[in-house]
PDB file of N, CA and C in Angstrom:
ATOM      1  N   MET A   1      22.556 163.705  25.460  1.00  0.00           N
ATOM      2  CA  MET A   1      21.797 164.922  25.268  1.00  0.00           C
ATOM      3  C   MET A   1      20.662 165.002  26.299  1.00  0.00           C
ATOM      4  N   ASN A   2      20.525 166.149  26.914  1.00  0.00           N
ATOM      5  CA  ASN A   2      19.491 166.352  27.923  1.00  0.00           C
ATOM      6  C   ASN A   2      18.149 166.630  27.268  1.00  0.00           C
ATOM      7  N   LYS A   3      17.117 165.986  27.806  1.00  0.00           N
ATOM      8  CA  LYS A   3      15.757 166.192  27.324  1.00  0.00           C
ATOM      9  C   LYS A   3      14.855 166.405  28.527  1.00  0.00           C
ATOM     10  N   TRP A   4      13.747 167.091  28.302  1.00  0.00           N
ATOM     11  CA  TRP A   4      12.774 167.339  29.354  1.00  0.00           C
ATOM     12  C   TRP A   4      11.714 166.247  29.326  1.00  0.00           C
ATOM     13  N   TYR A   5      11.422 165.697  30.500  1.00  0.00           N
ATOM     14  CA  TYR A   5      10.411 164.645  30.649  1.00  0.00           C
ATOM     15  C   TYR A   5       9.352 165.134  31.633  1.00  0.00           C
ATOM     16  N   LEU A   6       8.183 164.526  31.551  1.00  0.00           N
ATOM     17  CA  LEU A   6       7.066 164.919  32.393  1.00  0.00           C
ATOM     18  C   LEU A   6       6.898 163.935  33.547  1.00  0.00           C
ATOM     19  N   ILE A   7       6.727 164.489  34.747  1.00  0.00           N
ATOM     20  CA  ILE A   7       6.535 163.679  35.949  1.00  0.00           C
ATOM     21  C   ILE A   7       5.194 164.043  36.570  1.00  0.00           C
ATOM     22  N   LYS A   8       4.486 163.044  37.046  1.00  0.00           N
ATOM     23  CA  LYS A   8       3.234 163.252  37.787  1.00  0.00           C
ATOM     24  C   LYS A   8       3.589 163.296  39.271  1.00  0.00           C
ATOM     25  N   ALA A   9       3.192 164.376  39.919  1.00  0.00           N
ATOM     26  CA  ALA A   9       3.419 164.522  41.357  1.00  0.00           C
ATOM     27  C   ALA A   9       2.199 164.011  42.115  1.00  0.00           C
ATOM     28  N   LYS A  10       2.415 163.687  43.370  1.00  0.00           N
ATOM     29  CA  LYS A  10       1.286 163.322  44.224  1.00  0.00           C
ATOM     30  C   LYS A  10       0.423 164.570  44.434  1.00  0.00           C
ATOM     31  N   PRO A  11      -0.846 164.391  44.781  1.00  0.00           N
ATOM     32  CA  PRO A  11      -1.749 165.547  44.905  1.00  0.00           C
ATOM     33  C   PRO A  11      -1.208 166.640  45.818  1.00  0.00           C
ATOM     34  N   ARG A  12      -1.144 167.862  45.274  1.00  0.00           N
ATOM     35  CA  ARG A  12      -0.692 169.059  45.989  1.00  0.00           C
ATOM     36  C   ARG A  12       0.710 168.924  46.584  1.00  0.00           C
ATOM     37  N   GLN A  13       1.574 168.129  45.950  1.00  0.00           N
ATOM     38  CA  GLN A  13       2.942 167.968  46.451  1.00  0.00           C
ATOM     39  C   GLN A  13       3.983 168.341  45.399  1.00  0.00           C
ATOM     40  N   GLU A  14       3.618 169.221  44.473  1.00  0.00           N
ATOM     41  CA  GLU A  14       4.560 169.639  43.431  1.00  0.00           C
ATOM     42  C   GLU A  14       5.811 170.283  44.024  1.00  0.00           C
ATOM     43  N   LYS A  15       5.623 171.165  45.010  1.00  0.00           N
ATOM     44  CA  LYS A  15       6.762 171.872  45.608  1.00  0.00           C
ATOM     45  C   LYS A  15       7.662 170.913  46.391  1.00  0.00           C
ATOM     46  N   ILE A  16       7.059 169.954  47.084  1.00  0.00           N
ATOM     47  CA  ILE A  16       7.834 168.956  47.829  1.00  0.00           C
ATOM     48  C   ILE A  16       8.641 168.096  46.867  1.00  0.00           C
ATOM     49  N   ALA A  17       7.994 167.642  45.786  1.00  0.00           N
ATOM     50  CA  ALA A  17       8.680 166.818  44.796  1.00  0.00           C
ATOM     51  C   ALA A  17       9.825 167.595  44.154  1.00  0.00           C
ATOM     52  N   LYS A  18       9.574 168.846  43.801  1.00  0.00           N
ATOM     53  CA  LYS A  18      10.601 169.683  43.176  1.00  0.00           C
ATOM     54  C   LYS A  18      11.806 169.825  44.096  1.00  0.00           C
ATOM     55  N   GLN A  19      11.557 170.141  45.355  1.00  0.00           N
ATOM     56  CA  GLN A  19      12.653 170.325  46.315  1.00  0.00           C
ATOM     57  C   GLN A  19      13.453 169.041  46.498  1.00  0.00           C
ATOM     58  N   ASN A  20      12.772 167.924  46.648  1.00  0.00           N
ATOM     59  CA  ASN A  20      13.468 166.654  46.862  1.00  0.00           C
ATOM     60  C   ASN A  20      14.252 166.212  45.625  1.00  0.00           C
ATOM     61  N   LEU A  21      13.734 166.470  44.440  1.00  0.00           N
ATOM     62  CA  LEU A  21      14.476 166.143  43.219  1.00  0.00           C
ATOM     63  C   LEU A  21      15.698 167.043  43.064  1.00  0.00           C
ATOM     64  N   GLU A  22      15.536 168.329  43.372  1.00  0.00           N
ATOM     65  CA  GLU A  22      16.679 169.246  43.302  1.00  0.00           C
ATOM     66  C   GLU A  22      17.749 168.867  44.323  1.00  0.00           C
ATOM     67  N   ASN A  23      17.347 168.358  45.482  1.00  0.00           N
ATOM     68  CA  ASN A  23      18.308 167.899  46.487  1.00  0.00           C
ATOM     69  C   ASN A  23      19.133 166.719  45.976  1.00  0.00           C
ATOM     70  N   GLN A  24      18.603 166.006  44.973  1.00  0.00           N
ATOM     71  CA  GLN A  24      19.314 164.876  44.368  1.00  0.00           C
ATOM     72  C   GLN A  24      20.063 165.312  43.103  1.00  0.00           C
ATOM     73  N   ASP A  25      20.188 166.617  42.894  1.00  0.00           N
ATOM     74  CA  ASP A  25      20.911 167.216  41.761  1.00  0.00           C
ATOM     75  C   ASP A  25      20.234 167.010  40.408  1.00  0.00           C
ATOM     76  N   TYR A  26      18.914 166.899  40.401  1.00  0.00           N
ATOM     77  CA  TYR A  26      18.174 166.887  39.142  1.00  0.00           C
ATOM     78  C   TYR A  26      17.737 168.310  38.833  1.00  0.00           C
ATOM     79  N   ARG A  27      17.635 168.617  37.542  1.00  0.00           N
ATOM     80  CA  ARG A  27      17.139 169.931  37.125  1.00  0.00           C
ATOM     81  C   ARG A  27      15.634 169.803  36.901  1.00  0.00           C
ATOM     82  N   VAL A  28      14.862 170.571  37.669  1.00  0.00           N
ATOM     83  CA  VAL A  28      13.407 170.448  37.675  1.00  0.00           C
ATOM     84  C   VAL A  28      12.779 171.802  37.386  1.00  0.00           C
ATOM     85  N   PHE A  29      11.671 171.785  36.655  1.00  0.00           N
ATOM     86  CA  PHE A  29      10.937 173.003  36.332  1.00  0.00           C
ATOM     87  C   PHE A  29       9.474 172.800  36.683  1.00  0.00           C
ATOM     88  N   CYS A  30       8.976 173.649  37.563  1.00  0.00           N
ATOM     89  CA  CYS A  30       7.567 173.634  37.954  1.00  0.00           C
ATOM     90  C   CYS A  30       7.010 175.022  37.636  1.00  0.00           C
ATOM     91  N   PRO A  31       6.348 175.173  36.494  1.00  0.00           N
ATOM     92  CA  PRO A  31       5.849 176.503  36.100  1.00  0.00           C
ATOM     93  C   PRO A  31       4.830 177.045  37.107  1.00  0.00           C
ATOM     94  N   MET A  32       5.042 178.294  37.498  1.00  0.00           N
ATOM     95  CA  MET A  32       4.132 178.938  38.448  1.00  0.00           C
ATOM     96  C   MET A  32       3.784 180.330  37.938  1.00  0.00           C
ATOM     97  N   ILE A  33       2.577 180.785  38.292  1.00  0.00           N
ATOM     98  CA  ILE A  33       2.147 182.133  37.936  1.00  0.00           C
ATOM     99  C   ILE A  33       1.617 182.820  39.198  1.00  0.00           C
ATOM    100  N   LYS A  34       1.605 184.141  39.153  1.00  0.00           N
ATOM    101  CA  LYS A  34       1.121 184.908  40.291  1.00  0.00           C
ATOM    102  C   LYS A  34      -0.309 185.344  40.000  1.00  0.00           C
ATOM    103  N   ILE A  35      -1.228 184.918  40.867  1.00  0.00           N
ATOM    104  CA  ILE A  35      -2.639 185.299  40.745  1.00  0.00           C
ATOM    105  C   ILE A  35      -3.067 185.869  42.090  1.00  0.00           C
ATOM    106  N   ASN A  36      -3.531 187.103  42.066  1.00  0.00           N
ATOM    107  CA  ASN A  36      -3.975 187.772  43.305  1.00  0.00           C
ATOM    108  C   ASN A  36      -2.930 187.675  44.417  1.00  0.00           C
ATOM    109  N   ASP A  37      -1.696 187.984  44.074  1.00  0.00           N
ATOM    110  CA  ASP A  37      -0.575 187.979  45.026  1.00  0.00           C
ATOM    111  C   ASP A  37      -0.262 186.605  45.612  1.00  0.00           C
ATOM    112  N   ARG A  38      -0.690 185.533  44.947  1.00  0.00           N
ATOM    113  CA  ARG A  38      -0.365 184.159  45.366  1.00  0.00           C
ATOM    114  C   ARG A  38       0.301 183.439  44.216  1.00  0.00           C
ATOM    115  N   LEU A  39       1.339 182.656  44.526  1.00  0.00           N
ATOM    116  CA  LEU A  39       1.965 181.823  43.506  1.00  0.00           C
ATOM    117  C   LEU A  39       1.145 180.548  43.348  1.00  0.00           C
ATOM    118  N   VAL A  40       0.752 180.263  42.109  1.00  0.00           N
ATOM    119  CA  VAL A  40      -0.081 179.107  41.812  1.00  0.00           C
ATOM    120  C   VAL A  40       0.634 178.262  40.761  1.00  0.00           C
ATOM    121  N   VAL A  41       0.608 176.946  40.938  1.00  0.00           N
ATOM    122  CA  VAL A  41       1.218 176.027  39.979  1.00  0.00           C
ATOM    123  C   VAL A  41       0.421 176.080  38.681  1.00  0.00           C
ATOM    124  N   LEU A  42       1.116 176.290  37.567  1.00  0.00           N
ATOM    125  CA  LEU A  42       0.455 176.429  36.268  1.00  0.00           C
ATOM    126  C   LEU A  42      -0.161 175.114  35.790  1.00  0.00           C
ATOM    127  N   PHE A  43       0.527 174.002  36.010  1.00  0.00           N
ATOM    128  CA  PHE A  43       0.021 172.680  35.639  1.00  0.00           C
ATOM    129  C   PHE A  43      -0.055 171.823  36.904  1.00  0.00           C
ATOM    130  N   PRO A  44      -1.152 171.938  37.658  1.00  0.00           N
ATOM    131  CA  PRO A  44      -1.237 171.200  38.926  1.00  0.00           C
ATOM    132  C   PRO A  44      -1.012 169.697  38.740  1.00  0.00           C
ATOM    133  N   GLY A  45      -0.128 169.168  39.581  1.00  0.00           N
ATOM    134  CA  GLY A  45       0.149 167.732  39.553  1.00  0.00           C
ATOM    135  C   GLY A  45       1.279 167.321  38.627  1.00  0.00           C
ATOM    136  N   TYR A  46       1.889 168.275  37.923  1.00  0.00           N
ATOM    137  CA  TYR A  46       2.922 167.915  36.951  1.00  0.00           C
ATOM    138  C   TYR A  46       4.187 168.752  37.125  1.00  0.00           C
ATOM    139  N   LEU A  47       5.324 168.117  36.850  1.00  0.00           N
ATOM    140  CA  LEU A  47       6.637 168.758  36.863  1.00  0.00           C
ATOM    141  C   LEU A  47       7.392 168.344  35.608  1.00  0.00           C
ATOM    142  N   PHE A  48       8.309 169.175  35.203  1.00  0.00           N
ATOM    143  CA  PHE A  48       9.227 168.812  34.121  1.00  0.00           C
ATOM    144  C   PHE A  48      10.590 168.544  34.740  1.00  0.00           C
ATOM    145  N   ILE A  49      11.266 167.501  34.271  1.00  0.00           N
ATOM    146  CA  ILE A  49      12.596 167.173  34.760  1.00  0.00           C
ATOM    147  C   ILE A  49      13.517 166.981  33.564  1.00  0.00           C
ATOM    148  N   GLN A  50      14.701 167.563  33.637  1.00  0.00           N
ATOM    149  CA  GLN A  50      15.668 167.440  32.542  1.00  0.00           C
ATOM    150  C   GLN A  50      16.637 166.319  32.867  1.00  0.00           C
ATOM    151  N   LEU A  51      16.704 165.352  31.958  1.00  0.00           N
ATOM    152  CA  LEU A  51      17.542 164.175  32.171  1.00  0.00           C
ATOM    153  C   LEU A  51      18.363 163.850  30.943  1.00  0.00           C
ATOM    154  N   ASN A  52      19.527 163.264  31.201  1.00  0.00           N
ATOM    155  CA  ASN A  52      20.332 162.695  30.130  1.00  0.00           C
ATOM    156  C   ASN A  52      20.053 161.202  30.147  1.00  0.00           C
ATOM    157  N   GLU A  53      19.433 160.705  29.100  1.00  0.00           N
ATOM    158  CA  GLU A  53      18.982 159.307  29.095  1.00  0.00           C
ATOM    159  C   GLU A  53      20.123 158.296  29.113  1.00  0.00           C
ATOM    160  N   LYS A  54      21.333 158.724  28.796  1.00  0.00           N
ATOM    161  CA  LYS A  54      22.458 157.786  28.753  1.00  0.00           C
ATOM    162  C   LYS A  54      23.302 157.803  30.033  1.00  0.00           C
ATOM    163  N   THR A  55      23.380 158.947  30.715  1.00  0.00           N
ATOM    164  CA  THR A  55      24.320 159.040  31.823  1.00  0.00           C
ATOM    165  C   THR A  55      23.679 159.185  33.199  1.00  0.00           C
ATOM    166  N   GLN A  56      22.419 159.618  33.284  1.00  0.00           N
ATOM    167  CA  GLN A  56      21.821 159.832  34.598  1.00  0.00           C
ATOM    168  C   GLN A  56      21.046 158.617  35.075  1.00  0.00           C
ATOM    169  N   ASN A  57      21.062 158.427  36.382  1.00  0.00           N
ATOM    170  CA  ASN A  57      20.331 157.339  37.013  1.00  0.00           C
ATOM    171  C   ASN A  57      18.892 157.786  37.258  1.00  0.00           C
ATOM    172  N   TRP A  58      17.950 157.101  36.635  1.00  0.00           N
ATOM    173  CA  TRP A  58      16.537 157.471  36.740  1.00  0.00           C
ATOM    174  C   TRP A  58      15.836 156.745  37.887  1.00  0.00           C
ATOM    175  N   SER A  59      16.414 155.688  38.407  1.00  0.00           N
ATOM    176  CA  SER A  59      15.721 154.840  39.373  1.00  0.00           C
ATOM    177  C   SER A  59      15.281 155.558  40.652  1.00  0.00           C
ATOM    178  N   PRO A  60      16.043 156.542  41.195  1.00  0.00           N
ATOM    179  CA  PRO A  60      15.576 157.173  42.432  1.00  0.00           C
ATOM    180  C   PRO A  60      14.375 158.102  42.241  1.00  0.00           C
ATOM    181  N   ILE A  61      14.063 158.472  41.014  1.00  0.00           N
ATOM    182  CA  ILE A  61      13.027 159.476  40.779  1.00  0.00           C
ATOM    183  C   ILE A  61      11.658 158.994  41.237  1.00  0.00           C
ATOM    184  N   ASN A  62      11.267 157.790  40.850  1.00  0.00           N
ATOM    185  CA  ASN A  62       9.937 157.294  41.215  1.00  0.00           C
ATOM    186  C   ASN A  62       9.753 157.104  42.721  1.00  0.00           C
ATOM    187  N   SER A  63      10.840 156.920  43.460  1.00  0.00           N
ATOM    188  CA  SER A  63      10.725 156.734  44.904  1.00  0.00           C
ATOM    189  C   SER A  63      10.984 158.025  45.689  1.00  0.00           C
ATOM    190  N   THR A  64      11.096 159.140  44.984  1.00  0.00           N
ATOM    191  CA  THR A  64      11.314 160.426  45.634  1.00  0.00           C
ATOM    192  C   THR A  64      10.016 160.908  46.273  1.00  0.00           C
ATOM    193  N   LYS A  65      10.114 161.439  47.485  1.00  0.00           N
ATOM    194  CA  LYS A  65       8.938 161.926  48.190  1.00  0.00           C
ATOM    195  C   LYS A  65       8.265 163.029  47.368  1.00  0.00           C
ATOM    196  N   GLY A  66       6.967 162.864  47.144  1.00  0.00           N
ATOM    197  CA  GLY A  66       6.193 163.836  46.374  1.00  0.00           C
ATOM    198  C   GLY A  66       5.977 163.426  44.932  1.00  0.00           C
ATOM    199  N   VAL A  67       6.779 162.486  44.433  1.00  0.00           N
ATOM    200  CA  VAL A  67       6.665 162.034  43.038  1.00  0.00           C
ATOM    201  C   VAL A  67       5.778 160.798  42.977  1.00  0.00           C
ATOM    202  N   SER A  68       4.862 160.795  42.029  1.00  0.00           N
ATOM    203  CA  SER A  68       4.013 159.620  41.826  1.00  0.00           C
ATOM    204  C   SER A  68       4.646 158.685  40.791  1.00  0.00           C
ATOM    205  N   HIS A  69       4.890 159.220  39.579  1.00  0.00           N
ATOM    206  CA  HIS A  69       5.467 158.393  38.518  1.00  0.00           C
ATOM    207  C   HIS A  69       5.804 159.258  37.299  1.00  0.00           C
ATOM    208  N   PHE A  70       6.554 158.673  36.369  1.00  0.00           N
ATOM    209  CA  PHE A  70       6.782 159.298  35.072  1.00  0.00           C
ATOM    210  C   PHE A  70       5.508 159.191  34.257  1.00  0.00           C
ATOM    211  N   VAL A  71       5.215 160.199  33.481  1.00  0.00           N
ATOM    212  CA  VAL A  71       4.081 160.135  32.559  1.00  0.00           C
ATOM    213  C   VAL A  71       4.552 159.403  31.309  1.00  0.00           C
ATOM    214  N   LYS A  72       3.748 158.436  30.862  1.00  0.00           N
ATOM    215  CA  LYS A  72       4.100 157.648  29.677  1.00  0.00           C
ATOM    216  C   LYS A  72       2.947 157.628  28.692  1.00  0.00           C
ATOM    217  N   PHE A  73       3.279 157.487  27.431  1.00  0.00           N
ATOM    218  CA  PHE A  73       2.317 157.220  26.371  1.00  0.00           C
ATOM    219  C   PHE A  73       2.664 155.843  25.841  1.00  0.00           C
ATOM    220  N   GLY A  74       1.933 154.848  26.276  1.00  0.00           N
ATOM    221  CA  GLY A  74       2.291 153.472  25.941  1.00  0.00           C
ATOM    222  C   GLY A  74       3.560 153.104  26.678  1.00  0.00           C
ATOM    223  N   LEU A  75       4.590 152.730  25.937  1.00  0.00           N
ATOM    224  CA  LEU A  75       5.878 152.382  26.540  1.00  0.00           C
ATOM    225  C   LEU A  75       6.865 153.542  26.539  1.00  0.00           C
ATOM    226  N   ASN A  76       6.480 154.665  25.943  1.00  0.00           N
ATOM    227  CA  ASN A  76       7.384 155.808  25.796  1.00  0.00           C
ATOM    228  C   ASN A  76       7.144 156.863  26.865  1.00  0.00           C
ATOM    229  N   PHE A  77       8.245 157.362  27.428  1.00  0.00           N
ATOM    230  CA  PHE A  77       8.154 158.449  28.396  1.00  0.00           C
ATOM    231  C   PHE A  77       7.733 159.729  27.671  1.00  0.00           C
ATOM    232  N   ALA A  78       6.859 160.511  28.315  1.00  0.00           N
ATOM    233  CA  ALA A  78       6.403 161.775  27.732  1.00  0.00           C
ATOM    234  C   ALA A  78       7.547 162.784  27.767  1.00  0.00           C
ATOM    235  N   LYS A  79       7.855 163.357  26.610  1.00  0.00           N
ATOM    236  CA  LYS A  79       8.932 164.341  26.488  1.00  0.00           C
ATOM    237  C   LYS A  79       8.339 165.692  26.092  1.00  0.00           C
ATOM    238  N   ALA A  80       9.014 166.746  26.500  1.00  0.00           N
ATOM    239  CA  ALA A  80       8.642 168.096  26.102  1.00  0.00           C
ATOM    240  C   ALA A  80       9.840 168.707  25.378  1.00  0.00           C
ATOM    241  N   PRO A  81       9.632 169.216  24.172  1.00  0.00           N
ATOM    242  CA  PRO A  81      10.749 169.841  23.455  1.00  0.00           C
ATOM    243  C   PRO A  81      11.292 171.055  24.226  1.00  0.00           C
ATOM    244  N   ASN A  82      12.579 171.309  24.065  1.00  0.00           N
ATOM    245  CA  ASN A  82      13.210 172.469  24.717  1.00  0.00           C
ATOM    246  C   ASN A  82      12.497 173.761  24.367  1.00  0.00           C
ATOM    247  N   SER A  83      12.009 173.872  23.131  1.00  0.00           N
ATOM    248  CA  SER A  83      11.324 175.090  22.697  1.00  0.00           C
ATOM    249  C   SER A  83      10.056 175.332  23.509  1.00  0.00           C
ATOM    250  N   VAL A  84       9.348 174.273  23.884  1.00  0.00           N
ATOM    251  CA  VAL A  84       8.134 174.419  24.687  1.00  0.00           C
ATOM    252  C   VAL A  84       8.485 174.898  26.093  1.00  0.00           C
ATOM    253  N   ILE A  85       9.522 174.314  26.677  1.00  0.00           N
ATOM    254  CA  ILE A  85       9.950 174.715  28.019  1.00  0.00           C
ATOM    255  C   ILE A  85      10.372 176.176  28.008  1.00  0.00           C
ATOM    256  N   GLU A  86      11.131 176.578  27.017  1.00  0.00           N
ATOM    257  CA  GLU A  86      11.565 177.986  26.908  1.00  0.00           C
ATOM    258  C   GLU A  86      10.379 178.915  26.736  1.00  0.00           C
ATOM    259  N   PHE A  87       9.372 178.499  25.957  1.00  0.00           N
ATOM    260  CA  PHE A  87       8.173 179.300  25.760  1.00  0.00           C
ATOM    261  C   PHE A  87       7.416 179.492  27.075  1.00  0.00           C
ATOM    262  N   ILE A  88       7.301 178.433  27.864  1.00  0.00           N
ATOM    263  CA  ILE A  88       6.600 178.502  29.148  1.00  0.00           C
ATOM    264  C   ILE A  88       7.353 179.415  30.113  1.00  0.00           C
ATOM    265  N   LYS A  89       8.684 179.326  30.099  1.00  0.00           N
ATOM    266  CA  LYS A  89       9.489 180.175  30.991  1.00  0.00           C
ATOM    267  C   LYS A  89       9.281 181.634  30.636  1.00  0.00           C
TER     268      LYS A  89
END
Protein backbone atom coordinates (compact mmCIF):
# COMPACT_ATOMS: atom_id res chain seq x y z
CA MET A 1 0.00 0.00 0.00
CA ASN A 2 1.31 3.43 -0.96
CA LYS A 3 1.70 6.03 1.77
CA TRP A 4 2.89 9.62 1.75
CA TYR A 5 6.09 10.40 3.66
CA LEU A 6 7.75 13.70 4.46
CA ILE A 7 11.20 14.61 3.14
CA LYS A 8 13.40 17.52 4.19
CA ALA A 9 15.00 19.25 1.21
CA LYS A 10 18.23 21.18 1.27
CA PRO A 11 17.75 24.96 1.62
CA ARG A 12 15.90 26.41 -1.39
CA GLN A 13 16.29 23.17 -3.37
CA GLU A 14 12.72 21.84 -3.25
CA LYS A 15 12.30 22.07 -7.04
CA ILE A 16 15.67 20.39 -7.69
CA ALA A 17 14.85 17.57 -5.27
CA LYS A 18 11.39 17.12 -6.79
CA GLN A 19 12.76 16.92 -10.33
CA ASN A 20 15.52 14.47 -9.41
CA LEU A 21 13.13 12.21 -7.47
CA GLU A 22 10.64 12.23 -10.35
CA ASN A 23 13.50 11.29 -12.71
CA GLN A 24 13.90 8.17 -10.53
CA ASP A 25 10.17 7.36 -10.98
CA TYR A 26 9.06 8.43 -7.50
CA ARG A 27 5.75 10.22 -7.06
CA VAL A 28 6.48 13.56 -5.39
CA PHE A 29 4.24 16.42 -4.26
CA CYS A 30 5.57 19.89 -3.54
CA PRO A 31 2.62 22.17 -2.70
CA MET A 32 2.91 25.60 -4.30
CA ILE A 33 0.73 28.70 -4.31
CA LYS A 34 0.66 31.78 -6.50
CA ILE A 35 1.41 35.04 -4.69
CA ASN A 36 1.76 38.26 -6.68
CA ASP A 37 2.19 36.32 -9.94
CA ARG A 38 5.02 34.19 -8.44
CA LEU A 39 4.88 30.50 -7.57
CA VAL A 40 5.94 30.04 -3.95
CA VAL A 41 6.53 26.76 -2.10
CA LEU A 42 3.79 26.35 0.52
CA PHE A 43 6.01 24.43 2.98
CA PRO A 44 9.57 25.68 2.38
CA GLY A 45 12.13 22.92 2.80
CA TYR A 46 9.66 20.03 2.67
CA LEU A 47 8.33 17.59 0.06
CA PHE A 48 5.88 14.73 0.19
CA ILE A 49 6.83 11.44 -1.48
CA GLN A 50 4.52 8.49 -2.08
CA LEU A 51 6.15 5.14 -1.41
CA ASN A 52 5.22 1.51 -1.11
CA GLU A 53 7.07 0.37 1.99
CA LYS A 54 7.23 -3.25 0.82
CA THR A 55 8.17 -3.00 -2.85
CA GLN A 56 10.04 0.27 -3.47
CA ASN A 57 13.73 0.86 -2.89
CA TRP A 58 14.16 3.77 -0.47
CA SER A 59 17.96 3.83 -0.37
CA PRO A 60 18.54 6.22 -3.34
CA ILE A 61 16.27 8.90 -1.85
CA ASN A 62 18.65 10.23 0.80
CA SER A 63 21.48 10.53 -1.74
CA THR A 64 19.34 12.33 -4.33
CA LYS A 65 20.55 15.82 -5.22
CA GLY A 66 18.47 18.38 -3.32
CA VAL A 67 17.28 15.94 -0.63
CA SER A 68 18.58 16.27 2.91
CA HIS A 69 16.83 13.39 4.70
CA PHE A 70 13.55 11.74 5.64
CA VAL A 71 11.71 13.45 8.47
CA LYS A 72 11.40 11.13 11.48
CA PHE A 73 9.70 11.19 14.86
CA GLY A 74 11.98 9.02 16.94
CA LEU A 75 12.48 5.86 14.90
CA ASN A 76 9.32 6.32 12.81
CA PHE A 77 9.19 8.02 9.43
CA ALA A 78 6.76 10.97 9.32
CA LYS A 79 3.65 10.01 7.34
CA ALA A 80 0.86 12.15 5.96
CA PRO A 81 -2.59 10.61 5.51
CA ASN A 82 -3.97 10.56 1.95
CA SER A 83 -6.84 12.77 3.12
CA VAL A 84 -4.39 15.52 4.12
CA ILE A 85 -2.59 15.38 0.77
CA GLU A 86 -5.92 15.55 -1.08
CA PHE A 87 -7.00 18.51 1.08
CA ILE A 88 -3.78 20.40 0.28
CA LYS A 89 -4.17 19.69 -3.45
